[in-house]
PDB file of N, CA and C in Angstrom:
ATOM      1  N   MET A   1     -28.189 -30.147  34.256  1.00  0.00           N
ATOM      2  CA  MET A   1     -28.271 -29.694  32.806  1.00  0.00           C
ATOM      3  C   MET A   1     -29.683 -29.248  32.622  1.00  0.00           C
ATOM      4  N   HIS A   2     -29.841 -28.177  31.716  1.00  0.00           N
ATOM      5  CA  HIS A   2     -31.181 -27.647  31.428  1.00  0.00           C
ATOM      6  C   HIS A   2     -31.821 -28.399  30.255  1.00  0.00           C
ATOM      7  N   ASP A   3     -33.062 -28.506  30.306  1.00  0.00           N
ATOM      8  CA  ASP A   3     -33.744 -29.308  29.238  1.00  0.00           C
ATOM      9  C   ASP A   3     -33.937 -28.363  28.014  1.00  0.00           C
ATOM     10  N   ASP A   4     -33.799 -27.015  28.163  1.00  0.00           N
ATOM     11  CA  ASP A   4     -34.124 -26.247  26.959  1.00  0.00           C
ATOM     12  C   ASP A   4     -32.792 -25.976  26.008  1.00  0.00           C
ATOM     13  N   VAL A   5     -31.800 -26.561  26.423  1.00  0.00           N
ATOM     14  CA  VAL A   5     -30.604 -26.434  25.469  1.00  0.00           C
ATOM     15  C   VAL A   5     -30.624 -27.558  24.390  1.00  0.00           C
ATOM     16  N   HIS A   6     -30.608 -27.136  23.267  1.00  0.00           N
ATOM     17  CA  HIS A   6     -30.728 -28.102  22.052  1.00  0.00           C
ATOM     18  C   HIS A   6     -29.489 -27.898  21.106  1.00  0.00           C
ATOM     19  N   PHE A   7     -28.876 -28.869  20.674  1.00  0.00           N
ATOM     20  CA  PHE A   7     -27.761 -28.853  19.631  1.00  0.00           C
ATOM     21  C   PHE A   7     -28.131 -29.569  18.456  1.00  0.00           C
ATOM     22  N   GLU A   8     -27.663 -29.100  17.319  1.00  0.00           N
ATOM     23  CA  GLU A   8     -27.974 -29.648  16.016  1.00  0.00           C
ATOM     24  C   GLU A   8     -26.665 -29.606  15.102  1.00  0.00           C
ATOM     25  N   ASP A   9     -26.297 -30.740  14.552  1.00  0.00           N
ATOM     26  CA  ASP A   9     -25.089 -30.672  13.745  1.00  0.00           C
ATOM     27  C   ASP A   9     -25.488 -30.122  12.278  1.00  0.00           C
ATOM     28  N   LEU A  10     -24.528 -29.237  11.883  1.00  0.00           N
ATOM     29  CA  LEU A  10     -24.866 -28.545  10.552  1.00  0.00           C
ATOM     30  C   LEU A  10     -23.566 -28.718   9.697  1.00  0.00           C
ATOM     31  N   PRO A  11     -23.725 -28.907   8.404  1.00  0.00           N
ATOM     32  CA  PRO A  11     -22.518 -28.832   7.482  1.00  0.00           C
ATOM     33  C   PRO A  11     -21.795 -27.488   7.586  1.00  0.00           C
ATOM     34  N   LEU A  12     -20.548 -27.462   7.483  1.00  0.00           N
ATOM     35  CA  LEU A  12     -19.711 -26.311   7.636  1.00  0.00           C
ATOM     36  C   LEU A  12     -20.187 -25.056   6.601  1.00  0.00           C
ATOM     37  N   GLU A  13     -20.521 -25.443   5.326  1.00  0.00           N
ATOM     38  CA  GLU A  13     -20.999 -24.428   4.502  1.00  0.00           C
ATOM     39  C   GLU A  13     -22.309 -23.700   4.976  1.00  0.00           C
ATOM     40  N   ASP A  14     -23.247 -24.551   5.430  1.00  0.00           N
ATOM     41  CA  ASP A  14     -24.416 -24.009   6.054  1.00  0.00           C
ATOM     42  C   ASP A  14     -24.121 -22.998   7.232  1.00  0.00           C
ATOM     43  N   ALA A  15     -23.247 -23.412   8.094  1.00  0.00           N
ATOM     44  CA  ALA A  15     -22.775 -22.661   9.172  1.00  0.00           C
ATOM     45  C   ALA A  15     -22.232 -21.338   8.829  1.00  0.00           C
ATOM     46  N   ARG A  16     -21.277 -21.428   7.878  1.00  0.00           N
ATOM     47  CA  ARG A  16     -20.673 -20.220   7.356  1.00  0.00           C
ATOM     48  C   ARG A  16     -21.676 -19.150   6.793  1.00  0.00           C
ATOM     49  N   SER A  17     -22.547 -19.692   5.928  1.00  0.00           N
ATOM     50  CA  SER A  17     -23.595 -18.825   5.430  1.00  0.00           C
ATOM     51  C   SER A  17     -24.529 -18.214   6.381  1.00  0.00           C
ATOM     52  N   LEU A  18     -24.941 -18.940   7.462  1.00  0.00           N
ATOM     53  CA  LEU A  18     -25.651 -18.497   8.465  1.00  0.00           C
ATOM     54  C   LEU A  18     -25.055 -17.302   9.162  1.00  0.00           C
ATOM     55  N   SER A  19     -23.815 -17.410   9.442  1.00  0.00           N
ATOM     56  CA  SER A  19     -23.065 -16.366  10.291  1.00  0.00           C
ATOM     57  C   SER A  19     -22.996 -15.049   9.409  1.00  0.00           C
ATOM     58  N   ARG A  20     -22.973 -15.139   8.115  1.00  0.00           N
ATOM     59  CA  ARG A  20     -22.765 -13.873   7.311  1.00  0.00           C
ATOM     60  C   ARG A  20     -24.080 -13.359   6.769  1.00  0.00           C
ATOM     61  N   GLY A  21     -25.068 -14.159   6.820  1.00  0.00           N
ATOM     62  CA  GLY A  21     -26.324 -13.751   6.213  1.00  0.00           C
ATOM     63  C   GLY A  21     -27.046 -12.646   6.934  1.00  0.00           C
ATOM     64  N   PRO A  22     -27.911 -12.036   6.220  1.00  0.00           N
ATOM     65  CA  PRO A  22     -28.680 -10.974   7.028  1.00  0.00           C
ATOM     66  C   PRO A  22     -29.464 -11.477   8.141  1.00  0.00           C
ATOM     67  N   ARG A  23     -29.623 -10.892   9.184  1.00  0.00           N
ATOM     68  CA  ARG A  23     -30.297 -11.336  10.314  1.00  0.00           C
ATOM     69  C   ARG A  23     -31.707 -10.833  10.259  1.00  0.00           C
ATOM     70  N   MET A  24     -32.592 -11.452   9.365  1.00  0.00           N
ATOM     71  CA  MET A  24     -33.886 -11.079   9.213  1.00  0.00           C
ATOM     72  C   MET A  24     -34.767 -12.196   9.001  1.00  0.00           C
ATOM     73  N   ASP A  25     -35.997 -12.152   9.099  1.00  0.00           N
ATOM     74  CA  ASP A  25     -36.930 -13.244   8.927  1.00  0.00           C
ATOM     75  C   ASP A  25     -36.803 -13.725   7.511  1.00  0.00           C
ATOM     76  N   PRO A  26     -36.680 -14.985   7.263  1.00  0.00           N
ATOM     77  CA  PRO A  26     -36.555 -15.580   5.961  1.00  0.00           C
ATOM     78  C   PRO A  26     -37.696 -15.074   5.062  1.00  0.00           C
ATOM     79  N   TRP A  27     -38.856 -15.121   5.549  1.00  0.00           N
ATOM     80  CA  TRP A  27     -39.904 -14.667   4.664  1.00  0.00           C
ATOM     81  C   TRP A  27     -39.703 -13.178   4.148  1.00  0.00           C
ATOM     82  N   LEU A  28     -39.263 -12.224   4.992  1.00  0.00           N
ATOM     83  CA  LEU A  28     -38.971 -11.029   4.627  1.00  0.00           C
ATOM     84  C   LEU A  28     -37.772 -10.919   3.609  1.00  0.00           C
ATOM     85  N   GLN A  29     -36.768 -11.725   3.964  1.00  0.00           N
ATOM     86  CA  GLN A  29     -35.744 -11.742   2.944  1.00  0.00           C
ATOM     87  C   GLN A  29     -36.078 -12.194   1.627  1.00  0.00           C
ATOM     88  N   GLN A  30     -36.950 -13.201   1.567  1.00  0.00           N
ATOM     89  CA  GLN A  30     -37.281 -13.712   0.215  1.00  0.00           C
ATOM     90  C   GLN A  30     -38.231 -12.659  -0.514  1.00  0.00           C
ATOM     91  N   THR A  31     -39.162 -11.999   0.259  1.00  0.00           N
ATOM     92  CA  THR A  31     -39.961 -10.930  -0.283  1.00  0.00           C
ATOM     93  C   THR A  31     -39.245  -9.841  -0.835  1.00  0.00           C
ATOM     94  N   LEU A  32     -38.140  -9.304  -0.066  1.00  0.00           N
ATOM     95  CA  LEU A  32     -37.387  -8.189  -0.548  1.00  0.00           C
ATOM     96  C   LEU A  32     -36.548  -8.620  -1.738  1.00  0.00           C
ATOM     97  N   THR A  33     -35.962  -9.781  -1.710  1.00  0.00           N
ATOM     98  CA  THR A  33     -35.268 -10.304  -2.928  1.00  0.00           C
ATOM     99  C   THR A  33     -36.035 -10.275  -4.085  1.00  0.00           C
ATOM    100  N   GLU A  34     -37.274 -10.890  -4.075  1.00  0.00           N
ATOM    101  CA  GLU A  34     -38.104 -10.942  -5.201  1.00  0.00           C
ATOM    102  C   GLU A  34     -38.496  -9.635  -5.706  1.00  0.00           C
ATOM    103  N   LYS A  35     -38.675  -8.571  -4.872  1.00  0.00           N
ATOM    104  CA  LYS A  35     -39.102  -7.224  -5.180  1.00  0.00           C
ATOM    105  C   LYS A  35     -37.900  -6.536  -5.839  1.00  0.00           C
ATOM    106  N   ILE A  36     -36.641  -6.737  -5.288  1.00  0.00           N
ATOM    107  CA  ILE A  36     -35.413  -6.088  -5.909  1.00  0.00           C
ATOM    108  C   ILE A  36     -35.208  -6.623  -7.322  1.00  0.00           C
ATOM    109  N   HIS A  37     -35.471  -7.961  -7.467  1.00  0.00           N
ATOM    110  CA  HIS A  37     -35.301  -8.692  -8.813  1.00  0.00           C
ATOM    111  C   HIS A  37     -36.385  -8.123  -9.824  1.00  0.00           C
ATOM    112  N   SER A  38     -37.497  -7.840  -9.323  1.00  0.00           N
ATOM    113  CA  SER A  38     -38.632  -7.459 -10.302  1.00  0.00           C
ATOM    114  C   SER A  38     -38.584  -5.969 -10.574  1.00  0.00           C
ATOM    115  N   LEU A  39     -37.671  -5.159 -10.033  1.00  0.00           N
ATOM    116  CA  LEU A  39     -37.618  -3.800 -10.410  1.00  0.00           C
ATOM    117  C   LEU A  39     -37.206  -3.590 -11.789  1.00  0.00           C
ATOM    118  N   GLY A  40     -37.996  -2.775 -12.505  1.00  0.00           N
ATOM    119  CA  GLY A  40     -37.601  -2.490 -13.902  1.00  0.00           C
ATOM    120  C   GLY A  40     -37.265  -1.012 -13.895  1.00  0.00           C
ATOM    121  N   PRO A  41     -38.024  -0.320 -14.891  1.00  0.00           N
ATOM    122  CA  PRO A  41     -37.674   1.161 -14.964  1.00  0.00           C
ATOM    123  C   PRO A  41     -38.540   1.947 -13.910  1.00  0.00           C
ATOM    124  N   THR A  42     -39.148   1.287 -12.962  1.00  0.00           N
ATOM    125  CA  THR A  42     -39.922   1.978 -11.926  1.00  0.00           C
ATOM    126  C   THR A  42     -39.257   1.823 -10.537  1.00  0.00           C
ATOM    127  N   ALA A  43     -39.776   2.738  -9.689  1.00  0.00           N
ATOM    128  CA  ALA A  43     -39.347   2.538  -8.305  1.00  0.00           C
ATOM    129  C   ALA A  43     -40.480   1.899  -7.464  1.00  0.00           C
ATOM    130  N   ALA A  44     -40.114   1.503  -6.318  1.00  0.00           N
ATOM    131  CA  ALA A  44     -41.060   0.889  -5.293  1.00  0.00           C
ATOM    132  C   ALA A  44     -41.113   1.680  -4.023  1.00  0.00           C
ATOM    133  N   ARG A  45     -42.287   1.882  -3.605  1.00  0.00           N
ATOM    134  CA  ARG A  45     -42.527   2.599  -2.326  1.00  0.00           C
ATOM    135  C   ARG A  45     -42.869   1.514  -1.293  1.00  0.00           C
ATOM    136  N   MET A  46     -42.110   1.559  -0.241  1.00  0.00           N
ATOM    137  CA  MET A  46     -42.327   0.520   0.836  1.00  0.00           C
ATOM    138  C   MET A  46     -42.779   1.300   2.186  1.00  0.00           C
ATOM    139  N   THR A  47     -43.967   1.092   2.572  1.00  0.00           N
ATOM    140  CA  THR A  47     -44.429   1.622   3.887  1.00  0.00           C
ATOM    141  C   THR A  47     -44.000   0.689   4.967  1.00  0.00           C
ATOM    142  N   LEU A  48     -43.567   1.255   5.992  1.00  0.00           N
ATOM    143  CA  LEU A  48     -43.029   0.426   7.035  1.00  0.00           C
ATOM    144  C   LEU A  48     -43.984   0.521   8.295  1.00  0.00           C
ATOM    145  N   PRO A  49     -44.217  -0.676   8.894  1.00  0.00           N
ATOM    146  CA  PRO A  49     -45.113  -0.694  10.117  1.00  0.00           C
ATOM    147  C   PRO A  49     -44.425   0.023  11.214  1.00  0.00           C
ATOM    148  N   ALA A  50     -45.287   0.410  12.243  1.00  0.00           N
ATOM    149  CA  ALA A  50     -44.737   0.981  13.504  1.00  0.00           C
ATOM    150  C   ALA A  50     -43.741   0.195  14.163  1.00  0.00           C
ATOM    151  N   GLY A  51     -42.666   0.754  14.575  1.00  0.00           N
ATOM    152  CA  GLY A  51     -41.543   0.083  15.242  1.00  0.00           C
ATOM    153  C   GLY A  51     -40.499  -0.480  14.438  1.00  0.00           C
ATOM    154  N   VAL A  52     -40.594  -0.288  13.124  1.00  0.00           N
ATOM    155  CA  VAL A  52     -39.551  -0.773  12.164  1.00  0.00           C
ATOM    156  C   VAL A  52     -38.795   0.503  11.807  1.00  0.00           C
ATOM    157  N   ASN A  53     -37.414   0.473  12.035  1.00  0.00           N
ATOM    158  CA  ASN A  53     -36.521   1.553  11.845  1.00  0.00           C
ATOM    159  C   ASN A  53     -36.288   1.727  10.229  1.00  0.00           C
ATOM    160  N   ARG A  54     -36.485   2.917   9.769  1.00  0.00           N
ATOM    161  CA  ARG A  54     -36.168   3.087   8.316  1.00  0.00           C
ATOM    162  C   ARG A  54     -34.697   2.805   8.006  1.00  0.00           C
ATOM    163  N   THR A  55     -33.771   3.334   8.847  1.00  0.00           N
ATOM    164  CA  THR A  55     -32.401   3.147   8.633  1.00  0.00           C
ATOM    165  C   THR A  55     -32.048   1.622   8.530  1.00  0.00           C
ATOM    166  N   THR A  56     -32.614   0.849   9.435  1.00  0.00           N
ATOM    167  CA  THR A  56     -32.307  -0.544   9.482  1.00  0.00           C
ATOM    168  C   THR A  56     -32.711  -1.241   8.191  1.00  0.00           C
ATOM    169  N   MET A  57     -33.931  -0.816   7.837  1.00  0.00           N
ATOM    170  CA  MET A  57     -34.530  -1.415   6.572  1.00  0.00           C
ATOM    171  C   MET A  57     -33.810  -1.044   5.285  1.00  0.00           C
ATOM    172  N   LYS A  58     -33.357   0.204   5.254  1.00  0.00           N
ATOM    173  CA  LYS A  58     -32.552   0.767   4.249  1.00  0.00           C
ATOM    174  C   LYS A  58     -31.156  -0.183   4.103  1.00  0.00           C
ATOM    175  N   ASN A  59     -30.575  -0.330   5.299  1.00  0.00           N
ATOM    176  CA  ASN A  59     -29.392  -1.203   5.324  1.00  0.00           C
ATOM    177  C   ASN A  59     -29.704  -2.630   4.855  1.00  0.00           C
ATOM    178  N   ARG A  60     -30.769  -3.134   5.281  1.00  0.00           N
ATOM    179  CA  ARG A  60     -31.130  -4.464   4.782  1.00  0.00           C
ATOM    180  C   ARG A  60     -31.257  -4.609   3.356  1.00  0.00           C
ATOM    181  N   LEU A  61     -31.957  -3.681   2.735  1.00  0.00           N
ATOM    182  CA  LEU A  61     -32.199  -3.540   1.284  1.00  0.00           C
ATOM    183  C   LEU A  61     -30.855  -3.484   0.645  1.00  0.00           C
ATOM    184  N   LEU A  62     -30.021  -2.616   1.073  1.00  0.00           N
ATOM    185  CA  LEU A  62     -28.661  -2.409   0.405  1.00  0.00           C
ATOM    186  C   LEU A  62     -27.705  -3.649   0.523  1.00  0.00           C
ATOM    187  N   ARG A  63     -27.826  -4.371   1.607  1.00  0.00           N
ATOM    188  CA  ARG A  63     -27.075  -5.536   1.830  1.00  0.00           C
ATOM    189  C   ARG A  63     -27.647  -6.679   0.872  1.00  0.00           C
ATOM    190  N   LEU A  64     -28.994  -6.785   0.762  1.00  0.00           N
ATOM    191  CA  LEU A  64     -29.532  -7.810  -0.103  1.00  0.00           C
ATOM    192  C   LEU A  64     -29.156  -7.481  -1.626  1.00  0.00           C
ATOM    193  N   ALA A  65     -29.245  -6.229  -2.028  1.00  0.00           N
ATOM    194  CA  ALA A  65     -28.863  -5.760  -3.340  1.00  0.00           C
ATOM    195  C   ALA A  65     -27.421  -6.085  -3.751  1.00  0.00           C
ATOM    196  N   ALA A  66     -26.486  -5.808  -2.737  1.00  0.00           N
ATOM    197  CA  ALA A  66     -25.189  -6.090  -2.898  1.00  0.00           C
ATOM    198  C   ALA A  66     -24.912  -7.625  -3.065  1.00  0.00           C
ATOM    199  N   ALA A  67     -25.658  -8.403  -2.288  1.00  0.00           N
ATOM    200  CA  ALA A  67     -25.513  -9.775  -2.464  1.00  0.00           C
ATOM    201  C   ALA A  67     -25.957 -10.300  -3.879  1.00  0.00           C
ATOM    202  N   LEU A  68     -26.923  -9.603  -4.301  1.00  0.00           N
ATOM    203  CA  LEU A  68     -27.533  -9.964  -5.576  1.00  0.00           C
ATOM    204  C   LEU A  68     -26.637  -9.285  -6.823  1.00  0.00           C
ATOM    205  N   ASN A  69     -25.639  -8.469  -6.384  1.00  0.00           N
ATOM    206  CA  ASN A  69     -24.858  -7.770  -7.375  1.00  0.00           C
ATOM    207  C   ASN A  69     -25.636  -6.820  -8.206  1.00  0.00           C
ATOM    208  N   MET A  70     -26.516  -6.147  -7.538  1.00  0.00           N
ATOM    209  CA  MET A  70     -27.421  -5.213  -8.338  1.00  0.00           C
ATOM    210  C   MET A  70     -27.444  -3.780  -7.567  1.00  0.00           C
ATOM    211  N   PRO A  71     -26.841  -2.895  -8.205  1.00  0.00           N
ATOM    212  CA  PRO A  71     -26.898  -1.521  -7.605  1.00  0.00           C
ATOM    213  C   PRO A  71     -28.289  -1.036  -7.347  1.00  0.00           C
ATOM    214  N   LEU A  72     -28.402  -0.446  -6.101  1.00  0.00           N
ATOM    215  CA  LEU A  72     -29.703  -0.025  -5.623  1.00  0.00           C
ATOM    216  C   LEU A  72     -29.693   1.334  -5.023  1.00  0.00           C
ATOM    217  N   THR A  73     -30.608   2.292  -5.309  1.00  0.00           N
ATOM    218  CA  THR A  73     -30.665   3.513  -4.693  1.00  0.00           C
ATOM    219  C   THR A  73     -31.869   3.517  -3.734  1.00  0.00           C
ATOM    220  N   VAL A  74     -31.710   3.967  -2.526  1.00  0.00           N
ATOM    221  CA  VAL A  74     -32.711   3.911  -1.495  1.00  0.00           C
ATOM    222  C   VAL A  74     -32.789   5.311  -0.926  1.00  0.00           C
ATOM    223  N   ARG A  75     -34.105   5.776  -0.809  1.00  0.00           N
ATOM    224  CA  ARG A  75     -34.358   7.048  -0.236  1.00  0.00           C
ATOM    225  C   ARG A  75     -35.279   6.882   0.906  1.00  0.00           C
ATOM    226  N   ARG A  76     -34.997   7.610   2.028  1.00  0.00           N
ATOM    227  CA  ARG A  76     -35.921   7.502   3.200  1.00  0.00           C
ATOM    228  C   ARG A  76     -37.021   8.622   2.905  1.00  0.00           C
ATOM    229  N   ILE A  77     -38.301   8.238   3.146  1.00  0.00           N
ATOM    230  CA  ILE A  77     -39.351   9.294   3.014  1.00  0.00           C
ATOM    231  C   ILE A  77     -40.303   9.001   4.199  1.00  0.00           C
ATOM    232  N   THR A  78     -41.157   9.970   4.440  1.00  0.00           N
ATOM    233  CA  THR A  78     -41.954   9.754   5.554  1.00  0.00           C
ATOM    234  C   THR A  78     -42.819   8.540   5.599  1.00  0.00           C
ATOM    235  N   GLY A  79     -42.595   7.839   6.614  1.00  0.00           N
ATOM    236  CA  GLY A  79     -43.471   6.503   6.722  1.00  0.00           C
ATOM    237  C   GLY A  79     -42.786   5.373   5.960  1.00  0.00           C
ATOM    238  N   GLY A  80     -41.680   5.473   5.446  1.00  0.00           N
ATOM    239  CA  GLY A  80     -41.201   4.381   4.695  1.00  0.00           C
ATOM    240  C   GLY A  80     -39.915   4.645   3.775  1.00  0.00           C
ATOM    241  N   LEU A  81     -39.816   3.869   2.717  1.00  0.00           N
ATOM    242  CA  LEU A  81     -38.721   3.998   1.861  1.00  0.00           C
ATOM    243  C   LEU A  81     -39.063   4.046   0.347  1.00  0.00           C
ATOM    244  N   VAL A  82     -38.313   4.622  -0.535  1.00  0.00           N
ATOM    245  CA  VAL A  82     -38.464   4.442  -1.965  1.00  0.00           C
ATOM    246  C   VAL A  82     -37.212   3.951  -2.485  1.00  0.00           C
ATOM    247  N   PHE A  83     -37.229   2.892  -3.274  1.00  0.00           N
ATOM    248  CA  PHE A  83     -35.951   2.289  -3.791  1.00  0.00           C
ATOM    249  C   PHE A  83     -36.249   2.034  -5.392  1.00  0.00           C
ATOM    250  N   TRP A  84     -35.036   2.007  -5.995  1.00  0.00           N
ATOM    251  CA  TRP A  84     -35.019   1.591  -7.460  1.00  0.00           C
ATOM    252  C   TRP A  84     -33.624   1.150  -7.874  1.00  0.00           C
ATOM    253  N   ARG A  85     -33.557   0.584  -8.975  1.00  0.00           N
ATOM    254  CA  ARG A  85     -32.322   0.078  -9.554  1.00  0.00           C
ATOM    255  C   ARG A  85     -31.497   1.334  -9.882  1.00  0.00           C
ATOM    256  N   ALA A  86     -30.304   1.377  -9.354  1.00  0.00           N
ATOM    257  CA  ALA A  86     -29.450   2.554  -9.543  1.00  0.00           C
ATOM    258  C   ALA A  86     -29.031   2.757 -10.969  1.00  0.00           C
ATOM    259  N   THR A  87     -29.188   3.972 -11.464  1.00  0.00           N
ATOM    260  CA  THR A  87     -28.766   4.236 -12.884  1.00  0.00           C
ATOM    261  C   THR A  87     -27.291   4.667 -12.884  1.00  0.00           C
ATOM    262  N   ASP A  88     -26.739   4.829 -14.121  1.00  0.00           N
ATOM    263  CA  ASP A  88     -25.340   5.334 -14.048  1.00  0.00           C
ATOM    264  C   ASP A  88     -25.190   6.710 -13.491  1.00  0.00           C
ATOM    265  N   GLU A  89     -26.316   7.548 -13.702  1.00  0.00           N
ATOM    266  CA  GLU A  89     -26.260   8.895 -13.006  1.00  0.00           C
ATOM    267  C   GLU A  89     -26.278   8.852 -11.508  1.00  0.00           C
ATOM    268  N   ASP A  90     -27.016   7.902 -10.912  1.00  0.00           N
ATOM    269  CA  ASP A  90     -27.124   7.692  -9.584  1.00  0.00           C
ATOM    270  C   ASP A  90     -25.729   7.329  -8.897  1.00  0.00           C
ATOM    271  N   LEU A  91     -25.101   6.322  -9.615  1.00  0.00           N
ATOM    272  CA  LEU A  91     -23.791   5.875  -9.131  1.00  0.00           C
ATOM    273  C   LEU A  91     -22.723   7.052  -9.349  1.00  0.00           C
ATOM    274  N   LYS A  92     -22.774   7.832 -10.386  1.00  0.00           N
ATOM    275  CA  LYS A  92     -21.802   8.910 -10.536  1.00  0.00           C
ATOM    276  C   LYS A  92     -22.061   9.880  -9.360  1.00  0.00           C
ATOM    277  N   GLN A  93     -23.306  10.234  -9.168  1.00  0.00           N
ATOM    278  CA  GLN A  93     -23.582  11.195  -8.043  1.00  0.00           C
ATOM    279  C   GLN A  93     -23.104  10.626  -6.693  1.00  0.00           C
ATOM    280  N   ALA A  94     -23.287   9.395  -6.304  1.00  0.00           N
ATOM    281  CA  ALA A  94     -23.013   8.831  -5.153  1.00  0.00           C
ATOM    282  C   ALA A  94     -21.480   8.890  -5.002  1.00  0.00           C
ATOM    283  N   LYS A  95     -20.695   8.623  -6.152  1.00  0.00           N
ATOM    284  CA  LYS A  95     -19.215   8.685  -6.099  1.00  0.00           C
ATOM    285  C   LYS A  95     -18.732  10.070  -5.831  1.00  0.00           C
ATOM    286  N   GLU A  96     -19.404  11.027  -6.429  1.00  0.00           N
ATOM    287  CA  GLU A  96     -18.895  12.356  -6.192  1.00  0.00           C
ATOM    288  C   GLU A  96     -19.115  12.815  -4.783  1.00  0.00           C
ATOM    289  N   VAL A  97     -20.414  12.510  -4.228  1.00  0.00           N
ATOM    290  CA  VAL A  97     -20.596  12.876  -2.769  1.00  0.00           C
ATOM    291  C   VAL A  97     -19.609  12.230  -1.890  1.00  0.00           C
ATOM    292  N   ALA A  98     -19.267  10.908  -2.126  1.00  0.00           N
ATOM    293  CA  ALA A  98     -18.367  10.233  -1.296  1.00  0.00           C
ATOM    294  C   ALA A  98     -16.924  10.878  -1.372  1.00  0.00           C
ATOM    295  N   GLN A  99     -16.472  11.307  -2.597  1.00  0.00           N
ATOM    296  CA  GLN A  99     -15.190  11.997  -2.682  1.00  0.00           C
ATOM    297  C   GLN A  99     -15.206  13.357  -2.014  1.00  0.00           C
ATOM    298  N   ARG A 100     -16.371  14.035  -2.110  1.00  0.00           N
ATOM    299  CA  ARG A 100     -16.474  15.353  -1.325  1.00  0.00           C
ATOM    300  C   ARG A 100     -16.290  15.129   0.165  1.00  0.00           C
ATOM    301  N   LEU A 101     -17.056  14.048   0.679  1.00  0.00           N
ATOM    302  CA  LEU A 101     -17.042  13.837   2.077  1.00  0.00           C
ATOM    303  C   LEU A 101     -15.616  13.367   2.502  1.00  0.00           C
ATOM    304  N   GLN A 102     -14.811  12.665   1.717  1.00  0.00           N
ATOM    305  CA  GLN A 102     -13.619  12.185   2.073  1.00  0.00           C
ATOM    306  C   GLN A 102     -12.639  13.277   2.084  1.00  0.00           C
ATOM    307  N   SER A 103     -12.687  14.164   1.191  1.00  0.00           N
ATOM    308  CA  SER A 103     -11.769  15.282   1.049  1.00  0.00           C
ATOM    309  C   SER A 103     -12.105  16.291   2.311  1.00  0.00           C
ATOM    310  N   ALA A 104     -13.362  16.405   2.593  1.00  0.00           N
ATOM    311  CA  ALA A 104     -13.691  17.343   3.818  1.00  0.00           C
ATOM    312  C   ALA A 104     -13.120  16.693   5.054  1.00  0.00           C
ATOM    313  N   ARG A 105     -13.202  15.390   5.098  1.00  0.00           N
ATOM    314  CA  ARG A 105     -12.700  14.757   6.415  1.00  0.00           C
ATOM    315  C   ARG A 105     -11.162  14.830   6.547  1.00  0.00           C
ATOM    316  N   ARG A 106     -10.519  14.653   5.345  1.00  0.00           N
ATOM    317  CA  ARG A 106      -8.945  14.774   5.387  1.00  0.00           C
ATOM    318  C   ARG A 106      -8.515  16.171   5.660  1.00  0.00           C
ATOM    319  N   THR A 107      -9.307  17.160   5.228  1.00  0.00           N
ATOM    320  CA  THR A 107      -9.009  18.663   5.404  1.00  0.00           C
ATOM    321  C   THR A 107      -9.181  18.978   6.933  1.00  0.00           C
ATOM    322  N   ARG A 108     -10.105  18.494   7.406  1.00  0.00           N
ATOM    323  CA  ARG A 108     -10.396  18.664   8.930  1.00  0.00           C
ATOM    324  C   ARG A 108      -9.328  18.059   9.798  1.00  0.00           C
ATOM    325  N   ARG A 109      -8.911  16.931   9.416  1.00  0.00           N
ATOM    326  CA  ARG A 109      -7.813  16.283  10.108  1.00  0.00           C
ATOM    327  C   ARG A 109      -6.430  16.863  10.003  1.00  0.00           C
ATOM    328  N   ALA A 110      -6.267  17.485   8.884  1.00  0.00           N
ATOM    329  CA  ALA A 110      -4.940  18.123   8.601  1.00  0.00           C
ATOM    330  C   ALA A 110      -4.746  19.373   9.306  1.00  0.00           C
ATOM    331  N   ARG A 111      -5.779  20.029   9.790  1.00  0.00           N
ATOM    332  CA  ARG A 111      -5.650  21.317  10.468  1.00  0.00           C
ATOM    333  C   ARG A 111      -5.081  21.054  11.877  1.00  0.00           C
ATOM    334  N   PRO A 112      -4.188  21.866  12.234  1.00  0.00           N
ATOM    335  CA  PRO A 112      -3.575  21.737  13.573  1.00  0.00           C
ATOM    336  C   PRO A 112      -4.589  22.294  14.582  1.00  0.00           C
ATOM    337  N   GLY A 113      -4.724  21.567  15.748  1.00  0.00           N
ATOM    338  CA  GLY A 113      -5.640  22.149  16.669  1.00  0.00           C
ATOM    339  C   GLY A 113      -4.998  23.227  17.501  1.00  0.00           C
ATOM    340  N   ARG A 114      -5.844  23.998  18.150  1.00  0.00           N
ATOM    341  CA  ARG A 114      -5.271  25.069  18.935  1.00  0.00           C
ATOM    342  C   ARG A 114      -4.643  24.408  20.270  1.00  0.00           C
ATOM    343  N   ARG A 115      -3.498  24.857  20.599  1.00  0.00           N
ATOM    344  CA  ARG A 115      -2.891  24.425  21.829  1.00  0.00           C
ATOM    345  C   ARG A 115      -3.186  25.351  22.927  1.00  0.00           C
ATOM    346  N   ARG A 116      -3.415  24.769  24.186  1.00  0.00           N
ATOM    347  CA  ARG A 116      -3.633  25.680  25.374  1.00  0.00           C
ATOM    348  C   ARG A 116      -2.295  26.238  25.786  1.00  0.00           C
ATOM    349  N   ARG A 117      -2.249  27.399  26.180  1.00  0.00           N
ATOM    350  CA  ARG A 117      -1.077  28.022  26.909  1.00  0.00           C
ATOM    351  C   ARG A 117      -0.982  27.638  28.329  1.00  0.00           C
ATOM    352  N   ARG A 118       0.173  27.311  28.707  1.00  0.00           N
ATOM    353  CA  ARG A 118       0.299  27.017  30.167  1.00  0.00           C
ATOM    354  C   ARG A 118       0.521  28.340  30.834  1.00  0.00           C
ATOM    355  N   THR A 119      -0.094  28.501  31.982  1.00  0.00           N
ATOM    356  CA  THR A 119       0.010  29.696  32.756  1.00  0.00           C
ATOM    357  C   THR A 119       0.654  29.518  34.070  1.00  0.00           C
TER     358      THR A 119
END
């Protein structure tokens, strides 16, 4: 048996929350949560260090905001992200875009494809 294997007993609730929680450094999670809570009528610009993917960070922000039950708008910019509390106008626009994309997807699927002729 290897010496580097270590087991620890956990309460079930802790284990369940660990498996569903965002997989990021607890310090970063706390910092982002505090920043999201502190957003007022202003936006926040977040510059990302080299090697940090903007899409990954955007998804992390959106996941944390959803867990806090706070609508958030996130935009990717050169070198980082800009985010703010989503307004009614932002939510309406997002809903319209989602509907447009869904109807375009349905239309594409409904078209019959060209069949090859057998020769």
